Amino acid sequence: MAIDDVPDPKPSVVQSGKSDHSGRFAAIFVILALLIIGEIYSFTRFSSLRSDLQSQQTLLNKRMSAELSNKIQDLQNANAQSLDELRSELDSTITQMSKSQKTALARAHYAGYLVKKLEREQNQNAQELRQALAQKADQQQVGSLTQDVSSTKTDLASTKKTMDTLAKDLGMARSNLGTLIATNHQDIVALQKLGQRDYFEFSLDQNQKKTVAGISLDLRHTSTRHHTYNVDMFYNDMKITRKNLAIDQPIFFAPKYTHQFYEMVVYQIAPHRVVGYISTPKGALQEMASSQTQPAQTQAAQ
């Protein structure tokens, strides 16, 4: 072989270097592409996570707001209930205080009534004594009259003491006219045993007319909050309307055919219903019945 025919190795070396550079560029490109894809995936994932976090936070805020609203509502309801209970206790306390004040006032009125009655009786006895002294000059008769007046004063004092002791023992208040005020069925039984007056208990429903002890009653309204009631009373051929009557408040009236007073007391007030009694002088109903039959007998005789 000739020397000129030997192949030159340099061109093959240059081609191998170009191939290496192309491979490196391809590898770098792939790496960059993978990095870009990774960044895009990371950004997308981050956005998705942020969106999920915002959704969960919104849901949590709504849930907390709802629970807070429920707790506030429960607290308001509890406060309202407590306020209502306090208001009820206050109303009850005021009612009890009013009841005690009425009892004390009734006792004070009765004490004043007794004092005035004793003063009138003493003045009357003194006047009678002066008249008797003017008519009788005999010293023995004067001494007898003086002794009678002293005895009368002693009897009055004893009667007053007995009445006060009886009222204290029974634990009842007295009205302005001196009657004991019953506040339950047991009190009425105790008063009936005394035998001083006749007692007629009743229970009266609203708008249902009832006759008690010869008196027609028609309940018109009740208020359990204020412990009052309205009632129409029919006697002496008249209709008498009484409004805003308090519990345990005595009502005095005088029917015809009798010169003495009747007394009505209501000691229990319920919705549309009251319970109480009417007290009359001893034998007043018999007196009323006989007074009503006498005109009829007179007309029949004519």
Foldseek 3Di string as FASTA:
>chain_A
DDPVVDDDCVVVVVVVVVVVVVVVVVVVVVVVVVVVVVVVVVVVVVVVVVVVVVVVVVVVVVVVVVVVVVVVVVVVVVVVVVVVVVVLVVLVVVLVVVVVVVLVVQQVLQVVLLVVVLVVVLVVLVVVLVVVVVVDVDPVVNVVSVVVSVVVNVVSVVVVVVLVVVCVVLVFGAGNVGDTQDQDPVSVVVVVVVVFWDKWKDKAFAQDWDAILNKIKHWHFADPSQQFTWIWIAAPNDIDIDGRHHASDWDWDDGPLDPDIKIWHWNDTDGRMTITMIIGGPCSSVSSVVVVVVVVVVVVVD
